[in-house]
Amino acid sequence: MRNKYSFSVVSIITLLLFFFAVFISSNFFMNLIPEPNPVGGAPPPTQSPKYAAEVHYKEAGFEPQIITLKYGETVLWINDSINEGMWVASDPHPTHDTYKGFDQLHGVGAGVEYTFTFTKTGIWSYHNNLSEDKKGKIIVL
């Protein structure tokens, strides 16, 4: 019985050493360690941004006021205003029908976000429906 047990232990250790040697020789573990950037080199690539642009709404209005996009790209608006609500809507006020569907449909408070994907080329003006003098423009190529 002791010989069978010893043989099994030796067999398992031999197999483990064999597989370990195969992984070491194939650089398996080296592929798990990221290579450092060379001095002055570019940072490693990151995931592409989820949004083509971010627009921050503040008490003074939209920042930036003008953005250029490609067809099919998405914009993220963030209400950074402490005292004003934000309701992004296509011009003209009050019909919002220059770009049908480009309308947040309701006002939101601080910290709330709105996204819209532009699937029409052109120049699209918009405003804050809760403060119509706060305007912006999206150019879609």
C-alpha atoms as a PDB file:
ATOM      1  CA  MET A   1       0.000   0.000   0.000  1.00  0.00           C
ATOM      2  CA  ARG A   2       2.841   2.352   0.866  1.00  0.00           C
ATOM      3  CA  ASN A   3       4.489   1.700  -2.513  1.00  0.00           C
ATOM      4  CA  LYS A   4       1.275   2.597  -4.394  1.00  0.00           C
ATOM      5  CA  TYR A   5       0.983   5.808  -2.419  1.00  0.00           C
ATOM      6  CA  SER A   6       4.625   6.725  -3.014  1.00  0.00           C
ATOM      7  CA  PHE A   7       4.301   5.972  -6.720  1.00  0.00           C
ATOM      8  CA  SER A   8       1.198   8.216  -6.977  1.00  0.00           C
ATOM      9  CA  VAL A   9       2.887  11.114  -5.186  1.00  0.00           C
ATOM     10  CA  VAL A  10       6.008  10.835  -7.338  1.00  0.00           C
ATOM     11  CA  SER A  11       3.862  10.676 -10.514  1.00  0.00           C
ATOM     12  CA  ILE A  12       1.895  13.776  -9.567  1.00  0.00           C
ATOM     13  CA  ILE A  13       5.049  15.738  -8.706  1.00  0.00           C
ATOM     14  CA  THR A  14       6.656  14.665 -12.000  1.00  0.00           C
ATOM     15  CA  LEU A  15       3.599  15.798 -13.988  1.00  0.00           C
ATOM     16  CA  LEU A  16       3.501  19.137 -12.175  1.00  0.00           C
ATOM     17  CA  LEU A  17       7.199  19.741 -12.845  1.00  0.00           C
ATOM     18  CA  PHE A  18       6.702  18.820 -16.514  1.00  0.00           C
ATOM     19  CA  PHE A  19       3.807  21.261 -16.988  1.00  0.00           C
ATOM     20  CA  PHE A  20       5.626  23.989 -15.072  1.00  0.00           C
ATOM     21  CA  ALA A  21       8.678  23.548 -17.327  1.00  0.00           C
ATOM     22  CA  VAL A  22       6.471  23.751 -20.447  1.00  0.00           C
ATOM     23  CA  PHE A  23       4.816  26.986 -19.269  1.00  0.00           C
ATOM     24  CA  ILE A  24       8.164  28.578 -18.376  1.00  0.00           C
ATOM     25  CA  SER A  25       9.699  27.704 -21.751  1.00  0.00           C
ATOM     26  CA  SER A  26       6.667  29.082 -23.631  1.00  0.00           C
ATOM     27  CA  ASN A  27       6.882  32.456 -21.841  1.00  0.00           C
ATOM     28  CA  PHE A  28       3.346  31.898 -20.629  1.00  0.00           C
ATOM     29  CA  PHE A  29       3.918  33.857 -17.437  1.00  0.00           C
ATOM     30  CA  MET A  30       5.839  36.630 -19.193  1.00  0.00           C
ATOM     31  CA  ASN A  31       2.743  37.470 -21.253  1.00  0.00           C
ATOM     32  CA  LEU A  32       0.874  38.219 -18.025  1.00  0.00           C
ATOM     33  CA  ILE A  33       3.279  40.992 -17.008  1.00  0.00           C
ATOM     34  CA  PRO A  34       2.773  44.286 -18.882  1.00  0.00           C
ATOM     35  CA  GLU A  35       5.863  45.823 -20.409  1.00  0.00           C
ATOM     36  CA  PRO A  36       6.839  49.240 -19.027  1.00  0.00           C
ATOM     37  CA  ASN A  37       6.752  52.248 -21.333  1.00  0.00           C
ATOM     38  CA  PRO A  38      10.135  53.299 -22.630  1.00  0.00           C
ATOM     39  CA  VAL A  39      11.329  56.700 -21.405  1.00  0.00           C
ATOM     40  CA  GLY A  40       9.523  59.327 -23.454  1.00  0.00           C
ATOM     41  CA  GLY A  41       7.299  56.666 -25.023  1.00  0.00           C
ATOM     42  CA  ALA A  42       3.595  56.926 -25.534  1.00  0.00           C
ATOM     43  CA  PRO A  43       1.313  55.600 -22.808  1.00  0.00           C
ATOM     44  CA  PRO A  44      -0.333  52.263 -23.466  1.00  0.00           C
ATOM     45  CA  PRO A  45      -3.509  52.461 -25.541  1.00  0.00           C
ATOM     46  CA  THR A  46      -6.691  52.885 -23.568  1.00  0.00           C
ATOM     47  CA  GLN A  47     -10.247  52.072 -24.476  1.00  0.00           C
ATOM     48  CA  SER A  48     -11.772  54.531 -26.871  1.00  0.00           C
ATOM     49  CA  PRO A  49     -14.029  57.012 -25.106  1.00  0.00           C
ATOM     50  CA  LYS A  50     -17.682  56.148 -24.869  1.00  0.00           C
ATOM     51  CA  TYR A  51     -18.607  59.673 -25.949  1.00  0.00           C
ATOM     52  CA  ALA A  52     -17.153  61.825 -28.718  1.00  0.00           C
ATOM     53  CA  ALA A  53     -17.593  64.930 -26.553  1.00  0.00           C
ATOM     54  CA  GLU A  54     -18.701  66.100 -23.132  1.00  0.00           C
ATOM     55  CA  VAL A  55     -20.606  69.333 -22.634  1.00  0.00           C
ATOM     56  CA  HIS A  56     -20.828  70.751 -19.126  1.00  0.00           C
ATOM     57  CA  TYR A  57     -23.774  72.963 -18.260  1.00  0.00           C
ATOM     58  CA  LYS A  58     -22.927  75.659 -15.716  1.00  0.00           C
ATOM     59  CA  GLU A  59     -24.610  78.854 -14.579  1.00  0.00           C
ATOM     60  CA  ALA A  60     -22.918  80.699 -17.473  1.00  0.00           C
ATOM     61  CA  GLY A  61     -24.210  78.198 -20.040  1.00  0.00           C
ATOM     62  CA  PHE A  62     -22.893  75.275 -22.052  1.00  0.00           C
ATOM     63  CA  GLU A  63     -19.126  74.607 -22.173  1.00  0.00           C
ATOM     64  CA  PRO A  64     -17.944  74.195 -24.865  1.00  0.00           C
ATOM     65  CA  GLN A  65     -20.616  75.977 -26.855  1.00  0.00           C
ATOM     66  CA  ILE A  66     -19.607  74.558 -30.245  1.00  0.00           C
ATOM     67  CA  ILE A  67     -18.616  70.944 -30.947  1.00  0.00           C
ATOM     68  CA  THR A  68     -17.735  69.178 -34.196  1.00  0.00           C
ATOM     69  CA  LEU A  69     -18.577  65.476 -34.491  1.00  0.00           C
ATOM     70  CA  LYS A  70     -18.676  62.706 -37.036  1.00  0.00           C
ATOM     71  CA  TYR A  71     -21.931  61.088 -38.103  1.00  0.00           C
ATOM     72  CA  GLY A  72     -23.078  58.537 -35.504  1.00  0.00           C
ATOM     73  CA  GLU A  73     -21.102  59.932 -32.575  1.00  0.00           C
ATOM     74  CA  THR A  74     -22.613  60.565 -29.152  1.00  0.00           C
ATOM     75  CA  VAL A  75     -22.430  63.640 -26.925  1.00  0.00           C
ATOM     76  CA  LEU A  76     -22.726  63.582 -23.148  1.00  0.00           C
ATOM     77  CA  TRP A  77     -24.199  66.638 -21.401  1.00  0.00           C
ATOM     78  CA  ILE A  78     -23.620  66.949 -17.657  1.00  0.00           C
ATOM     79  CA  ASN A  79     -25.463  69.417 -15.444  1.00  0.00           C
ATOM     80  CA  ASP A  80     -22.697  70.995 -13.347  1.00  0.00           C
ATOM     81  CA  SER A  81     -24.925  73.901 -12.372  1.00  0.00           C
ATOM     82  CA  ILE A  82     -25.731  74.266  -8.712  1.00  0.00           C
ATOM     83  CA  ASN A  83     -28.732  76.550  -9.095  1.00  0.00           C
ATOM     84  CA  GLU A  84     -30.175  75.780 -12.537  1.00  0.00           C
ATOM     85  CA  GLY A  85     -31.932  72.842 -14.063  1.00  0.00           C
ATOM     86  CA  MET A  86     -30.898  71.552 -17.500  1.00  0.00           C
ATOM     87  CA  TRP A  87     -33.165  70.504 -20.352  1.00  0.00           C
ATOM     88  CA  VAL A  88     -31.228  70.073 -23.602  1.00  0.00           C
ATOM     89  CA  ALA A  89     -33.479  70.629 -26.627  1.00  0.00           C
ATOM     90  CA  SER A  90     -33.098  71.300 -30.327  1.00  0.00           C
ATOM     91  CA  ASP A  91     -33.884  74.790 -31.554  1.00  0.00           C
ATOM     92  CA  PRO A  92     -36.130  76.634 -32.085  1.00  0.00           C
ATOM     93  CA  HIS A  93     -37.779  77.237 -28.755  1.00  0.00           C
ATOM     94  CA  PRO A  94     -40.491  76.167 -27.934  1.00  0.00           C
ATOM     95  CA  THR A  95     -41.133  73.631 -30.741  1.00  0.00           C
ATOM     96  CA  HIS A  96     -37.716  71.866 -30.675  1.00  0.00           C
ATOM     97  CA  ASP A  97     -38.319  70.519 -34.169  1.00  0.00           C
ATOM     98  CA  THR A  98     -35.143  71.415 -36.103  1.00  0.00           C
ATOM     99  CA  TYR A  99     -33.802  67.938 -35.210  1.00  0.00           C
ATOM    100  CA  LYS A 100     -36.742  65.776 -34.167  1.00  0.00           C
ATOM    101  CA  GLY A 101     -35.864  63.551 -31.218  1.00  0.00           C
ATOM    102  CA  PHE A 102     -33.021  65.792 -30.010  1.00  0.00           C
ATOM    103  CA  ASP A 103     -34.926  66.775 -26.876  1.00  0.00           C
ATOM    104  CA  GLN A 104     -34.279  65.708 -23.303  1.00  0.00           C
ATOM    105  CA  LEU A 105     -38.054  66.021 -22.688  1.00  0.00           C
ATOM    106  CA  HIS A 106     -37.684  67.178 -19.057  1.00  0.00           C
ATOM    107  CA  GLY A 107     -35.493  69.246 -16.792  1.00  0.00           C
ATOM    108  CA  VAL A 108     -32.892  67.664 -14.516  1.00  0.00           C
ATOM    109  CA  GLY A 109     -30.907  68.848 -11.521  1.00  0.00           C
ATOM    110  CA  ALA A 110     -27.225  69.008 -10.681  1.00  0.00           C
ATOM    111  CA  GLY A 111     -25.110  65.981 -11.554  1.00  0.00           C
ATOM    112  CA  VAL A 112     -27.620  64.443 -13.963  1.00  0.00           C
ATOM    113  CA  GLU A 113     -26.474  63.481 -17.465  1.00  0.00           C
ATOM    114  CA  TYR A 114     -28.095  63.336 -20.895  1.00  0.00           C
ATOM    115  CA  THR A 115     -26.748  61.678 -24.043  1.00  0.00           C
ATOM    116  CA  PHE A 116     -27.726  61.956 -27.676  1.00  0.00           C
ATOM    117  CA  THR A 117     -26.342  60.196 -30.752  1.00  0.00           C
ATOM    118  CA  PHE A 118     -26.305  62.307 -33.911  1.00  0.00           C
ATOM    119  CA  THR A 119     -27.440  60.379 -36.973  1.00  0.00           C
ATOM    120  CA  LYS A 120     -27.960  63.370 -39.266  1.00  0.00           C
ATOM    121  CA  THR A 121     -25.252  65.548 -40.738  1.00  0.00           C
ATOM    122  CA  GLY A 122     -25.629  69.304 -40.449  1.00  0.00           C
ATOM    123  CA  ILE A 123     -25.372  72.161 -37.993  1.00  0.00           C
ATOM    124  CA  TRP A 124     -27.689  71.675 -35.041  1.00  0.00           C
ATOM    125  CA  SER A 125     -28.368  74.517 -32.611  1.00  0.00           C
ATOM    126  CA  TYR A 126     -29.793  73.744 -29.195  1.00  0.00           C
ATOM    127  CA  HIS A 127     -30.671  75.492 -25.966  1.00  0.00           C
ATOM    128  CA  ASN A 128     -31.560  74.877 -22.340  1.00  0.00           C
ATOM    129  CA  ASN A 129     -35.352  74.791 -22.406  1.00  0.00           C
ATOM    130  CA  LEU A 130     -35.376  76.038 -18.798  1.00  0.00           C
ATOM    131  CA  SER A 131     -33.191  79.034 -19.681  1.00  0.00           C
ATOM    132  CA  GLU A 132     -33.595  79.680 -23.421  1.00  0.00           C
ATOM    133  CA  ASP A 133     -30.753  82.203 -23.654  1.00  0.00           C
ATOM    134  CA  LYS A 134     -28.202  79.417 -22.854  1.00  0.00           C
ATOM    135  CA  LYS A 135     -27.319  77.970 -26.268  1.00  0.00           C
ATOM    136  CA  GLY A 136     -24.929  75.608 -28.014  1.00  0.00           C
ATOM    137  CA  LYS A 137     -24.204  74.232 -31.458  1.00  0.00           C
ATOM    138  CA  ILE A 138     -23.282  70.772 -32.759  1.00  0.00           C
ATOM    139  CA  ILE A 139     -21.660  70.399 -36.198  1.00  0.00           C
ATOM    140  CA  VAL A 140     -22.014  66.860 -37.563  1.00  0.00           C
ATOM    141  CA  LEU A 141     -19.842  65.943 -40.532  1.00  0.00           C
END
